[in-house]
C-alpha atoms as a PDB file:
ATOM      1  CA  MET A   1     144.966 134.626 -35.704  1.00  0.00           C
ATOM      2  CA  PRO A   2     143.028 137.048 -32.913  1.00  0.00           C
ATOM      3  CA  GLU A   3     142.873 135.995 -29.280  1.00  0.00           C
ATOM      4  CA  VAL A   4     139.949 134.298 -27.677  1.00  0.00           C
ATOM      5  CA  TYR A   5     138.995 135.205 -24.321  1.00  0.00           C
ATOM      6  CA  LEU A   6     138.094 131.454 -22.753  1.00  0.00           C
ATOM      7  CA  GLY A   7     137.650 132.139 -18.974  1.00  0.00           C
ATOM      8  CA  SER A   8     139.430 129.165 -17.038  1.00  0.00           C
ATOM      9  CA  SER A   9     141.341 127.690 -19.517  1.00  0.00           C
ATOM     10  CA  PRO A  10     144.628 128.713 -19.613  1.00  0.00           C
ATOM     11  CA  HIS A  11     145.837 126.366 -22.040  1.00  0.00           C
ATOM     12  CA  ILE A  12     143.555 128.296 -24.906  1.00  0.00           C
ATOM     13  CA  GLY A  13     144.254 131.139 -26.928  1.00  0.00           C
ATOM     14  CA  THR A  14     144.130 131.860 -30.504  1.00  0.00           C
ATOM     15  CA  VAL A  15     140.801 130.634 -32.675  1.00  0.00           C
ATOM     16  CA  THR A  16     142.661 127.674 -34.406  1.00  0.00           C
ATOM     17  CA  ARG A  17     143.675 126.282 -30.259  1.00  0.00           C
ATOM     18  CA  THR A  18     140.168 126.360 -29.422  1.00  0.00           C
ATOM     19  CA  GLY A  19     139.074 124.311 -32.000  1.00  0.00           C
ATOM     20  CA  ALA A  20     141.365 121.656 -30.600  1.00  0.00           C
ATOM     21  CA  ILE A  21     140.394 122.221 -27.389  1.00  0.00           C
ATOM     22  CA  MET A  22     136.985 121.465 -28.481  1.00  0.00           C
ATOM     23  CA  ALA A  23     137.736 118.673 -31.210  1.00  0.00           C
ATOM     24  CA  HIS A  24     139.800 116.774 -28.245  1.00  0.00           C
ATOM     25  CA  VAL A  25     136.161 117.324 -25.556  1.00  0.00           C
ATOM     26  CA  ILE A  26     134.093 116.247 -28.896  1.00  0.00           C
ATOM     27  CA  ILE A  27     136.098 112.951 -29.157  1.00  0.00           C
ATOM     28  CA  ALA A  28     135.820 112.759 -24.813  1.00  0.00           C
ATOM     29  CA  LEU A  29     132.439 112.284 -25.472  1.00  0.00           C
ATOM     30  CA  LEU A  30     132.303 109.465 -28.280  1.00  0.00           C
ATOM     31  CA  PRO A  31     132.166 106.998 -26.053  1.00  0.00           C
ATOM     32  CA  ALA A  32     129.240 108.095 -24.571  1.00  0.00           C
ATOM     33  CA  SER A  33     127.573 108.882 -27.818  1.00  0.00           C
ATOM     34  CA  VAL A  34     128.479 105.645 -29.396  1.00  0.00           C
ATOM     35  CA  PHE A  35     127.169 104.146 -26.448  1.00  0.00           C
ATOM     36  CA  GLY A  36     123.968 106.295 -26.377  1.00  0.00           C
ATOM     37  CA  VAL A  37     123.188 105.052 -29.912  1.00  0.00           C
ATOM     38  CA  VAL A  38     123.757 101.291 -29.165  1.00  0.00           C
ATOM     39  CA  LEU A  39     121.575 101.575 -26.161  1.00  0.00           C
ATOM     40  CA  TYR A  40     118.016 103.539 -27.843  1.00  0.00           C
ATOM     41  CA  GLY A  41     119.514 102.900 -31.576  1.00  0.00           C
ATOM     42  CA  LEU A  42     118.405 105.203 -34.334  1.00  0.00           C
ATOM     43  CA  PRO A  43     116.112 107.464 -32.670  1.00  0.00           C
ATOM     44  CA  ALA A  44     118.925 108.856 -30.089  1.00  0.00           C
ATOM     45  CA  LEU A  45     121.551 108.951 -33.274  1.00  0.00           C
ATOM     46  CA  ALA A  46     118.626 111.619 -34.663  1.00  0.00           C
ATOM     47  CA  VAL A  47     118.133 113.872 -31.960  1.00  0.00           C
ATOM     48  CA  ILE A  48     122.442 114.056 -31.731  1.00  0.00           C
ATOM     49  CA  VAL A  49     122.792 114.531 -35.838  1.00  0.00           C
ATOM     50  CA  VAL A  50     119.971 117.330 -35.745  1.00  0.00           C
ATOM     51  CA  SER A  51     120.556 118.861 -32.508  1.00  0.00           C
ATOM     52  CA  VAL A  52     124.438 119.729 -33.847  1.00  0.00           C
ATOM     53  CA  ILE A  53     123.439 120.345 -37.098  1.00  0.00           C
ATOM     54  CA  SER A  54     120.336 122.890 -35.849  1.00  0.00           C
ATOM     55  CA  SER A  55     122.743 124.881 -33.206  1.00  0.00           C
ATOM     56  CA  THR A  56     126.295 124.889 -35.758  1.00  0.00           C
ATOM     57  CA  ALA A  57     123.464 126.730 -38.617  1.00  0.00           C
ATOM     58  CA  ALA A  58     121.659 129.026 -35.704  1.00  0.00           C
ATOM     59  CA  GLU A  59     125.539 130.472 -34.854  1.00  0.00           C
ATOM     60  CA  ALA A  60     125.839 130.457 -38.562  1.00  0.00           C
ATOM     61  CA  LEU A  61     123.016 132.707 -39.329  1.00  0.00           C
ATOM     62  CA  PHE A  62     123.074 134.462 -36.317  1.00  0.00           C
ATOM     63  CA  ARG A  63     126.898 135.826 -37.328  1.00  0.00           C
ATOM     64  CA  ALA A  64     125.991 136.303 -40.459  1.00  0.00           C
ATOM     65  CA  ILE A  65     122.549 138.833 -40.084  1.00  0.00           C
ATOM     66  CA  THR A  66     124.992 140.566 -37.193  1.00  0.00           C
ATOM     67  CA  LYS A  67     127.399 140.921 -39.506  1.00  0.00           C
ATOM     68  CA  GLN A  68     130.059 139.066 -37.872  1.00  0.00           C
ATOM     69  CA  LYS A  69     132.646 136.558 -38.470  1.00  0.00           C
ATOM     70  CA  ASN A  70     131.744 132.799 -38.875  1.00  0.00           C
ATOM     71  CA  ARG A  71     133.225 130.997 -36.098  1.00  0.00           C
ATOM     72  CA  SER A  72     132.175 127.328 -36.933  1.00  0.00           C
ATOM     73  CA  GLY A  73     135.391 126.318 -37.173  1.00  0.00           C
ATOM     74  CA  ASP A  74     136.177 126.448 -33.810  1.00  0.00           C
ATOM     75  CA  LEU A  75     133.713 123.540 -33.050  1.00  0.00           C
ATOM     76  CA  SER A  76     132.040 124.997 -30.414  1.00  0.00           C
ATOM     77  CA  ALA A  77     128.695 125.536 -31.712  1.00  0.00           C
ATOM     78  CA  ALA A  78     128.969 121.384 -32.818  1.00  0.00           C
ATOM     79  CA  LEU A  79     129.859 121.046 -29.178  1.00  0.00           C
ATOM     80  CA  THR A  80     127.313 122.636 -27.315  1.00  0.00           C
ATOM     81  CA  GLY A  81     124.754 120.719 -30.137  1.00  0.00           C
ATOM     82  CA  LEU A  82     126.273 117.292 -28.835  1.00  0.00           C
ATOM     83  CA  LEU A  83     126.492 117.917 -25.244  1.00  0.00           C
ATOM     84  CA  LEU A  84     122.472 119.291 -25.184  1.00  0.00           C
ATOM     85  CA  ALA A  85     121.600 115.859 -27.444  1.00  0.00           C
ATOM     86  CA  LEU A  86     123.835 113.825 -25.083  1.00  0.00           C
ATOM     87  CA  VAL A  87     121.784 115.164 -22.394  1.00  0.00           C
ATOM     88  CA  ALA A  88     118.093 115.124 -23.519  1.00  0.00           C
ATOM     89  CA  PRO A  89     115.779 111.872 -23.635  1.00  0.00           C
ATOM     90  CA  PRO A  90     115.939 109.562 -26.722  1.00  0.00           C
ATOM     91  CA  SER A  91     112.696 110.309 -27.568  1.00  0.00           C
ATOM     92  CA  THR A  92     112.741 113.828 -27.572  1.00  0.00           C
ATOM     93  CA  PRO A  93     110.888 114.911 -30.927  1.00  0.00           C
ATOM     94  CA  LEU A  94     113.283 116.452 -33.382  1.00  0.00           C
ATOM     95  CA  TRP A  95     111.928 119.553 -33.763  1.00  0.00           C
ATOM     96  CA  MET A  96     112.095 120.312 -29.950  1.00  0.00           C
ATOM     97  CA  ILE A  97     116.100 119.537 -29.942  1.00  0.00           C
ATOM     98  CA  ALA A  98     116.444 121.694 -32.431  1.00  0.00           C
ATOM     99  CA  LEU A  99     113.889 124.814 -31.139  1.00  0.00           C
ATOM    100  CA  GLY A 100     116.882 123.710 -27.689  1.00  0.00           C
ATOM    101  CA  ALA A 101     120.101 123.880 -29.971  1.00  0.00           C
ATOM    102  CA  VAL A 102     118.939 127.411 -31.131  1.00  0.00           C
ATOM    103  CA  PHE A 103     118.460 128.943 -27.716  1.00  0.00           C
ATOM    104  CA  ALA A 104     121.317 127.169 -26.453  1.00  0.00           C
ATOM    105  CA  VAL A 105     123.689 128.938 -28.717  1.00  0.00           C
ATOM    106  CA  VAL A 106     121.805 132.251 -29.941  1.00  0.00           C
ATOM    107  CA  VAL A 107     120.150 133.535 -26.639  1.00  0.00           C
ATOM    108  CA  ALA A 108     122.826 131.819 -24.094  1.00  0.00           C
ATOM    109  CA  LYS A 109     125.750 132.175 -26.077  1.00  0.00           C
ATOM    110  CA  GLU A 110     125.282 135.329 -28.674  1.00  0.00           C
ATOM    111  CA  PHE A 111     123.048 137.652 -27.411  1.00  0.00           C
ATOM    112  CA  PHE A 112     125.906 137.443 -24.169  1.00  0.00           C
ATOM    113  CA  GLY A 113     129.005 137.877 -27.382  1.00  0.00           C
ATOM    114  CA  GLY A 114     129.505 135.130 -28.672  1.00  0.00           C
ATOM    115  CA  LEU A 115     132.106 132.430 -27.161  1.00  0.00           C
ATOM    116  CA  GLY A 116     133.964 133.398 -24.284  1.00  0.00           C
ATOM    117  CA  ALA A 117     131.553 135.776 -22.878  1.00  0.00           C
ATOM    118  CA  ASN A 118     128.516 133.481 -22.117  1.00  0.00           C
ATOM    119  CA  VAL A 119     127.855 133.907 -18.014  1.00  0.00           C
ATOM    120  CA  PHE A 120     125.769 130.573 -18.099  1.00  0.00           C
ATOM    121  CA  ASN A 121     126.633 126.908 -19.854  1.00  0.00           C
ATOM    122  CA  PRO A 122     124.785 127.705 -22.953  1.00  0.00           C
ATOM    123  CA  ALA A 123     123.789 123.311 -23.344  1.00  0.00           C
ATOM    124  CA  LEU A 124     122.366 123.358 -20.184  1.00  0.00           C
ATOM    125  CA  SER A 125     120.814 126.731 -20.626  1.00  0.00           C
ATOM    126  CA  GLY A 126     118.614 124.963 -23.531  1.00  0.00           C
ATOM    127  CA  ARG A 127     118.303 122.254 -21.313  1.00  0.00           C
ATOM    128  CA  ALA A 128     116.613 124.005 -18.980  1.00  0.00           C
ATOM    129  CA  PHE A 129     114.752 125.964 -21.586  1.00  0.00           C
ATOM    130  CA  LEU A 130     113.273 122.990 -22.815  1.00  0.00           C
ATOM    131  CA  ILE A 131     112.387 121.426 -19.000  1.00  0.00           C
ATOM    132  CA  MET A 132     110.086 124.514 -18.310  1.00  0.00           C
ATOM    133  CA  SER A 133     108.963 124.428 -22.137  1.00  0.00           C
ATOM    134  CA  PHE A 134     107.935 120.823 -22.496  1.00  0.00           C
ATOM    135  CA  PRO A 135     108.222 119.316 -18.846  1.00  0.00           C
ATOM    136  CA  ALA A 136     106.421 115.641 -20.569  1.00  0.00           C
ATOM    137  CA  ALA A 137     108.908 115.455 -23.543  1.00  0.00           C
ATOM    138  CA  LEU A 138     111.786 115.841 -21.663  1.00  0.00           C
ATOM    139  CA  THR A 139     111.038 113.871 -18.746  1.00  0.00           C
ATOM    140  CA  SER A 140     109.781 110.662 -20.469  1.00  0.00           C
ATOM    141  CA  TRP A 141     112.439 108.231 -20.691  1.00  0.00           C
ATOM    142  CA  THR A 142     113.176 104.936 -22.993  1.00  0.00           C
ATOM    143  CA  LEU A 143     113.667 101.870 -22.014  1.00  0.00           C
ATOM    144  CA  PRO A 144     116.807 100.383 -23.581  1.00  0.00           C
ATOM    145  CA  ARG A 145     116.517  98.547 -26.839  1.00  0.00           C
ATOM    146  CA  PHE A 146     118.233  95.292 -26.257  1.00  0.00           C
ATOM    147  CA  ALA A 147     116.647  94.433 -23.143  1.00  0.00           C
ATOM    148  CA  ALA A 148     114.143  91.567 -23.484  1.00  0.00           C
ATOM    149  CA  VAL A 149     111.056  91.686 -21.770  1.00  0.00           C
ATOM    150  CA  ASP A 150     109.290  88.831 -21.012  1.00  0.00           C
ATOM    151  CA  THR A 151     105.681  88.577 -19.992  1.00  0.00           C
ATOM    152  CA  VAL A 152     106.357  88.792 -15.857  1.00  0.00           C
ATOM    153  CA  SER A 153     104.547  89.393 -12.801  1.00  0.00           C
ATOM    154  CA  SER A 154     106.150  92.858 -12.145  1.00  0.00           C
ATOM    155  CA  ALA A 155     104.360  94.269 -15.168  1.00  0.00           C
ATOM    156  CA  SER A 156     103.659  97.267 -13.054  1.00  0.00           C
ATOM    157  CA  LEU A 157     107.577  97.787 -12.296  1.00  0.00           C
ATOM    158  CA  ILE A 158     108.669  97.203 -16.662  1.00  0.00           C
ATOM    159  CA  ASP A 159     106.076 100.238 -17.271  1.00  0.00           C
ATOM    160  CA  ALA A 160     107.655 102.535 -14.561  1.00  0.00           C
ATOM    161  CA  LEU A 161     111.088 101.871 -16.370  1.00  0.00           C
ATOM    162  CA  SER A 162     110.077 102.402 -19.639  1.00  0.00           C
ATOM    163  CA  SER A 163     108.833 105.643 -17.992  1.00  0.00           C
ATOM    164  CA  ALA A 164     111.607 106.878 -15.512  1.00  0.00           C
ATOM    165  CA  THR A 165     114.964 106.576 -14.763  1.00  0.00           C
ATOM    166  CA  PRO A 166     116.669 104.501 -11.665  1.00  0.00           C
ATOM    167  CA  LEU A 167     116.110 108.058 -10.137  1.00  0.00           C
ATOM    168  CA  SER A 168     112.891 108.609 -10.870  1.00  0.00           C
ATOM    169  CA  LEU A 169     111.670 105.224  -8.925  1.00  0.00           C
ATOM    170  CA  PHE A 170     114.235 105.960  -6.314  1.00  0.00           C
ATOM    171  CA  LYS A 171     112.476 109.651  -5.375  1.00  0.00           C
ATOM    172  CA  LEU A 172     109.172 107.802  -5.489  1.00  0.00           C
ATOM    173  CA  GLU A 173     109.887 105.361  -3.300  1.00  0.00           C
ATOM    174  CA  GLY A 174     113.013 105.601  -2.099  1.00  0.00           C
ATOM    175  CA  THR A 175     114.384 102.117  -2.568  1.00  0.00           C
ATOM    176  CA  VAL A 176     117.344 100.838  -4.182  1.00  0.00           C
ATOM    177  CA  GLU A 177     116.050  97.456  -3.872  1.00  0.00           C
ATOM    178  CA  LEU A 178     112.933  98.541  -5.820  1.00  0.00           C
ATOM    179  CA  VAL A 179     114.851 100.254  -8.101  1.00  0.00           C
ATOM    180  CA  GLY A 180     117.240  97.070  -8.186  1.00  0.00           C
ATOM    181  CA  ARG A 181     114.038  94.644  -8.712  1.00  0.00           C
ATOM    182  CA  ALA A 182     112.648  97.009 -11.620  1.00  0.00           C
ATOM    183  CA  LEU A 183     116.125  96.619 -13.647  1.00  0.00           C
ATOM    184  CA  THR A 184     115.840  92.915 -13.006  1.00  0.00           C
ATOM    185  CA  ALA A 185     112.296  92.315 -13.843  1.00  0.00           C
ATOM    186  CA  ALA A 186     113.631  94.258 -17.781  1.00  0.00           C
ATOM    187  CA  HIS A 187     116.337  91.776 -17.718  1.00  0.00           C
ATOM    188  CA  LEU A 188     118.896  94.864 -17.293  1.00  0.00           C
ATOM    189  CA  SER A 189     120.509  93.463 -13.945  1.00  0.00           C
ATOM    190  CA  ALA A 190     121.274  90.199 -12.863  1.00  0.00           C
ATOM    191  CA  SER A 191     119.382  90.137  -9.711  1.00  0.00           C
ATOM    192  CA  PRO A 192     117.530  93.208  -7.276  1.00  0.00           C
ATOM    193  CA  ALA A 193     120.975  92.203  -5.192  1.00  0.00           C
ATOM    194  CA  TYR A 194     122.941  95.733  -4.493  1.00  0.00           C
ATOM    195  CA  TRP A 195     125.803  95.305  -5.978  1.00  0.00           C
ATOM    196  CA  ASP A 196     124.346  93.600  -9.251  1.00  0.00           C
ATOM    197  CA  THR A 197     122.314  97.200  -9.281  1.00  0.00           C
ATOM    198  CA  ILE A 198     124.886  99.397  -8.896  1.00  0.00           C
ATOM    199  CA  ARG A 199     127.320  97.552 -11.696  1.00  0.00           C
ATOM    200  CA  THR A 200     124.091  97.936 -14.077  1.00  0.00           C
ATOM    201  CA  LEU A 201     124.045 102.138 -12.790  1.00  0.00           C
ATOM    202  CA  PHE A 202     127.724 101.879 -13.984  1.00  0.00           C
ATOM    203  CA  ILE A 203     128.153 100.081 -16.974  1.00  0.00           C
ATOM    204  CA  GLY A 204     124.805 102.290 -17.973  1.00  0.00           C
ATOM    205  CA  SER A 205     122.205  99.763 -19.457  1.00  0.00           C
ATOM    206  CA  ARG A 206     119.500 101.749 -18.045  1.00  0.00           C
ATOM    207  CA  GLY A 207     116.815 104.180 -19.066  1.00  0.00           C
ATOM    208  CA  GLY A 208     118.270 107.714 -19.135  1.00  0.00           C
ATOM    209  CA  SER A 209     119.471 110.806 -21.305  1.00  0.00           C
ATOM    210  CA  ILE A 210     121.150 109.511 -23.913  1.00  0.00           C
ATOM    211  CA  GLY A 211     125.082 110.216 -22.936  1.00  0.00           C
ATOM    212  CA  GLU A 212     124.806 109.995 -19.319  1.00  0.00           C
ATOM    213  CA  SER A 213     124.126 106.390 -18.623  1.00  0.00           C
ATOM    214  CA  SER A 214     126.992 105.230 -18.993  1.00  0.00           C
ATOM    215  CA  ILE A 215     129.371 105.939 -16.054  1.00  0.00           C
ATOM    216  CA  LEU A 216     132.182 103.961 -17.437  1.00  0.00           C
ATOM    217  CA  CYS A 217     132.348 105.225 -20.470  1.00  0.00           C
ATOM    218  CA  ILE A 218     132.160 109.210 -19.089  1.00  0.00           C
ATOM    219  CA  LEU A 219     134.852 108.460 -17.248  1.00  0.00           C
ATOM    220  CA  ALA A 220     137.268 106.904 -20.091  1.00  0.00           C
ATOM    221  CA  GLY A 221     136.197 111.465 -21.598  1.00  0.00           C
ATOM    222  CA  ALA A 222     137.772 112.694 -18.081  1.00  0.00           C
ATOM    223  CA  VAL A 223     141.000 110.624 -18.366  1.00  0.00           C
ATOM    224  CA  TYR A 224     141.194 111.284 -21.685  1.00  0.00           C
ATOM    225  CA  LEU A 225     140.028 115.284 -21.566  1.00  0.00           C
ATOM    226  CA  LEU A 226     142.656 115.174 -18.025  1.00  0.00           C
ATOM    227  CA  ALA A 227     145.785 113.389 -20.052  1.00  0.00           C
ATOM    228  CA  PHE A 228     145.655 116.361 -22.271  1.00  0.00           C
ATOM    229  CA  ARG A 229     145.049 118.774 -19.820  1.00  0.00           C
ATOM    230  CA  VAL A 230     141.897 120.367 -21.646  1.00  0.00           C
ATOM    231  CA  ILE A 231     140.044 120.073 -18.001  1.00  0.00           C
ATOM    232  CA  ASP A 232     140.759 121.169 -14.576  1.00  0.00           C
ATOM    233  CA  TRP A 233     140.235 118.332 -12.212  1.00  0.00           C
ATOM    234  CA  ARG A 234     138.680 120.428  -9.125  1.00  0.00           C
ATOM    235  CA  ALA A 235     135.558 121.277 -10.027  1.00  0.00           C
ATOM    236  CA  PRO A 236     134.332 117.212 -10.837  1.00  0.00           C
ATOM    237  CA  LEU A 237     136.008 115.670  -7.707  1.00  0.00           C
ATOM    238  CA  ALA A 238     134.547 118.563  -5.880  1.00  0.00           C
ATOM    239  CA  MET A 239     131.268 118.276  -7.205  1.00  0.00           C
ATOM    240  CA  THR A 240     131.028 114.153  -6.487  1.00  0.00           C
ATOM    241  CA  ALA A 241     132.424 114.505  -3.234  1.00  0.00           C
ATOM    242  CA  SER A 242     129.976 117.147  -1.545  1.00  0.00           C
ATOM    243  CA  ALA A 243     127.183 114.885  -3.246  1.00  0.00           C
ATOM    244  CA  PHE A 244     128.122 111.784  -2.023  1.00  0.00           C
ATOM    245  CA  ALA A 245     129.032 113.530   1.432  1.00  0.00           C
ATOM    246  CA  LEU A 246     125.576 115.265   1.597  1.00  0.00           C
ATOM    247  CA  SER A 247     123.683 111.909   0.262  1.00  0.00           C
ATOM    248  CA  PHE A 248     125.456 110.833   2.875  1.00  0.00           C
ATOM    249  CA  ILE A 249     124.486 112.754   5.745  1.00  0.00           C
ATOM    250  CA  LEU A 250     120.246 112.906   4.092  1.00  0.00           C
ATOM    251  CA  GLY A 251     120.156 109.309   4.280  1.00  0.00           C
ATOM    252  CA  VAL A 252     120.157 108.216   0.912  1.00  0.00           C
ATOM    253  CA  ASP A 253     122.624 105.804  -0.337  1.00  0.00           C
ATOM    254  CA  PRO A 254     125.222 108.091  -1.749  1.00  0.00           C
ATOM    255  CA  LEU A 255     127.172 105.728  -3.859  1.00  0.00           C
ATOM    256  CA  PHE A 256     123.471 104.894  -5.544  1.00  0.00           C
ATOM    257  CA  SER A 257     122.839 108.929  -5.819  1.00  0.00           C
ATOM    258  CA  ILE A 258     126.313 110.030  -7.776  1.00  0.00           C
ATOM    259  CA  LEU A 259     126.308 106.491 -10.199  1.00  0.00           C
ATOM    260  CA  SER A 260     122.436 107.443 -11.125  1.00  0.00           C
ATOM    261  CA  GLY A 261     120.287 109.961 -13.176  1.00  0.00           C
ATOM    262  CA  GLY A 262     123.408 112.744 -14.549  1.00  0.00           C
ATOM    263  CA  LEU A 263     126.004 113.831 -12.180  1.00  0.00           C
ATOM    264  CA  ILE A 264     129.071 112.089 -13.776  1.00  0.00           C
ATOM    265  CA  PHE A 265     128.171 113.533 -16.750  1.00  0.00           C
ATOM    266  CA  GLY A 266     127.215 117.070 -15.274  1.00  0.00           C
ATOM    267  CA  ALA A 267     130.698 117.131 -13.583  1.00  0.00           C
ATOM    268  CA  VAL A 268     133.079 116.394 -15.879  1.00  0.00           C
ATOM    269  CA  PHE A 269     131.443 117.904 -19.078  1.00  0.00           C
ATOM    270  CA  MET A 270     129.474 120.934 -17.564  1.00  0.00           C
ATOM    271  CA  ALA A 271     131.030 121.745 -14.318  1.00  0.00           C
ATOM    272  CA  THR A 272     134.262 122.438 -16.084  1.00  0.00           C
ATOM    273  CA  ASP A 273     133.149 124.769 -18.923  1.00  0.00           C
ATOM    274  CA  TYR A 274     135.907 127.271 -19.685  1.00  0.00           C
ATOM    275  CA  THR A 275     134.183 130.090 -19.511  1.00  0.00           C
ATOM    276  CA  SER A 276     131.018 129.400 -17.135  1.00  0.00           C
ATOM    277  CA  ALA A 277     133.798 127.867 -14.781  1.00  0.00           C
ATOM    278  CA  PRO A 278     135.657 130.112 -11.907  1.00  0.00           C
ATOM    279  CA  LEU A 279     139.087 130.837 -12.850  1.00  0.00           C
ATOM    280  CA  THR A 280     141.262 130.121  -9.981  1.00  0.00           C
ATOM    281  CA  ALA A 281     141.629 126.619  -8.261  1.00  0.00           C
ATOM    282  CA  LYS A 282     140.246 127.463  -4.989  1.00  0.00           C
ATOM    283  CA  GLY A 283     137.133 129.115  -6.702  1.00  0.00           C
ATOM    284  CA  ARG A 284     136.526 125.870  -8.684  1.00  0.00           C
ATOM    285  CA  LEU A 285     136.749 123.987  -5.911  1.00  0.00           C
ATOM    286  CA  ILE A 286     134.035 126.101  -4.348  1.00  0.00           C
ATOM    287  CA  PHE A 287     131.337 126.249  -7.321  1.00  0.00           C
ATOM    288  CA  GLY A 288     131.945 122.279  -8.197  1.00  0.00           C
ATOM    289  CA  ALA A 289     131.189 121.317  -3.940  1.00  0.00           C
ATOM    290  CA  GLY A 290     128.046 124.243  -4.459  1.00  0.00           C
ATOM    291  CA  ALA A 291     126.975 122.335  -7.524  1.00  0.00           C
ATOM    292  CA  GLY A 292     126.764 119.079  -5.777  1.00  0.00           C
ATOM    293  CA  ILE A 293     125.152 120.112  -2.847  1.00  0.00           C
ATOM    294  CA  ILE A 294     122.445 122.022  -5.039  1.00  0.00           C
ATOM    295  CA  THR A 295     122.030 119.108  -7.296  1.00  0.00           C
ATOM    296  CA  VAL A 296     121.463 116.925  -4.072  1.00  0.00           C
ATOM    297  CA  LEU A 297     118.539 119.584  -2.564  1.00  0.00           C
ATOM    298  CA  ILE A 298     116.586 119.873  -5.855  1.00  0.00           C
ATOM    299  CA  ARG A 299     116.943 115.838  -5.814  1.00  0.00           C
ATOM    300  CA  ARG A 300     115.939 115.320  -1.989  1.00  0.00           C
ATOM    301  CA  TRP A 301     113.174 118.532  -2.381  1.00  0.00           C
ATOM    302  CA  GLY A 302     112.588 119.478  -5.428  1.00  0.00           C
ATOM    303  CA  SER A 303     109.478 118.084  -7.435  1.00  0.00           C
ATOM    304  CA  TYR A 304     111.604 117.030 -10.604  1.00  0.00           C
ATOM    305  CA  PRO A 305     113.950 113.996  -9.867  1.00  0.00           C
ATOM    306  CA  GLU A 306     117.511 115.060 -11.307  1.00  0.00           C
ATOM    307  CA  GLY A 307     118.909 118.646 -10.168  1.00  0.00           C
ATOM    308  CA  VAL A 308     122.066 118.863 -12.273  1.00  0.00           C
ATOM    309  CA  THR A 309     121.392 121.380 -14.882  1.00  0.00           C
ATOM    310  CA  TYR A 310     119.882 123.980 -12.310  1.00  0.00           C
ATOM    311  CA  GLY A 311     122.826 122.943  -9.841  1.00  0.00           C
ATOM    312  CA  ILE A 312     125.409 124.397 -12.069  1.00  0.00           C
ATOM    313  CA  LEU A 313     123.586 126.490 -13.720  1.00  0.00           C
ATOM    314  CA  ILE A 314     123.097 128.305 -10.450  1.00  0.00           C
ATOM    315  CA  MET A 315     126.906 128.399  -9.584  1.00  0.00           C
ATOM    316  CA  ASN A 316     127.513 129.732 -12.879  1.00  0.00           C
ATOM    317  CA  ALA A 317     125.572 132.880 -11.831  1.00  0.00           C
ATOM    318  CA  VAL A 318     128.190 132.910  -8.664  1.00  0.00           C
ATOM    319  CA  THR A 319     130.908 132.524 -10.852  1.00  0.00           C
ATOM    320  CA  PRO A 320     132.044 136.320 -11.320  1.00  0.00           C
ATOM    321  CA  PHE A 321     131.273 136.730  -7.387  1.00  0.00           C
ATOM    322  CA  LEU A 322     133.779 133.913  -7.193  1.00  0.00           C
ATOM    323  CA  ASN A 323     136.124 135.150  -9.568  1.00  0.00           C
ATOM    324  CA  ARG A 324     136.298 138.788  -7.527  1.00  0.00           C
ATOM    325  CA  LEU A 325     136.810 137.243  -4.426  1.00  0.00           C
ATOM    326  CA  ILE A 326     139.216 134.241  -4.913  1.00  0.00           C
ATOM    327  CA  GLN A 327     141.239 136.457  -7.626  1.00  0.00           C
ATOM    328  CA  LYS A 328     144.154 134.945  -9.600  1.00  0.00           C
ATOM    329  CA  LYS A 329     147.789 137.022  -9.483  1.00  0.00           C
ATOM    330  CA  TYR A 330     149.366 136.818 -13.091  1.00  0.00           C
ATOM    331  CA  GLY A 331     152.500 138.351 -11.077  1.00  0.00           C
ATOM    332  CA  TYR A 332     153.865 139.945  -8.007  1.00  0.00           C
ATOM    333  CA  VAL A 333     155.977 143.100  -7.551  1.00  0.00           C
ATOM    334  CA  LYS A 334     158.661 143.326  -5.320  1.00  0.00           C
ATOM    335  CA  ALA A 335     158.033 145.101  -1.191  1.00  0.00           C
ATOM    336  CA  GLY A 336     159.591 148.629  -2.179  1.00  0.00           C
ATOM    337  CA  ALA A 337     159.565 148.589  -5.777  1.00  0.00           C
ATOM    338  CA  LYS A 338     158.806 151.564  -7.217  1.00  0.00           C
END
């Protein structure tokens, strides 16, 4: 069985082993995926199915055209499609998510040499491509289908919630209180009180991308991956901690900052990508810290309310430098040995 280089993971060697690891990540994503389908219904399921099928088919077709061995069995293309779907709004047109999946697999991965050779996270590259190409579609959000929206005086808040995430509302108004009022008006939160708002964000009954809403489901996946030693804890912890600290320094509620948007999802499932994250423990800490800082800076001063995608992609570009700066020692030679 040929060896496959996957960068930062010491647990992956053969193609068979690669498929097993990818299967673990897919299993870890199931809670967030199921919750997203429950939250948004059949449109979310359609986005997931189309993205997975498109990414798998695109890889198979590209490798057939270039006369390379089909690698669909390692599940990397399917995982890329699933990740892309989970960071997309449930209202994303199906042709658009298919285009993003093709870009993610063919341009961001295969053009660089295939599995283990890509510099940038393929799923995030696909999302960045879609955001730049179709910003309106990728920043339009759907109210969860079980929200019992009655006729209330706060109609403007309901309209805002149906077209924006809590993070978007916070960026526009700058207060957690407004977010709480909007969630309450849409019957997603028990009350606009601060801790009720935080609880709603943690459970995930709010507008957002398909798989990013429920922090509880994401953390369940993280525990699974850590238990099976599929991911390393350093990059996710550093990313979350740096975002928390910088938000506090900038006067933004740090707990709201890490629970809203896709920061936790990105920290667990994107910053731990085997090929685009650093090889060393120190490198991963720097990588995660940098991604968290860039995310908060984009949220604070960027035109988009969310910065996770570009925070991680920018640090992907720094990864080769970190690997050279902080080298991994594979052995030692005694002094005086010839």
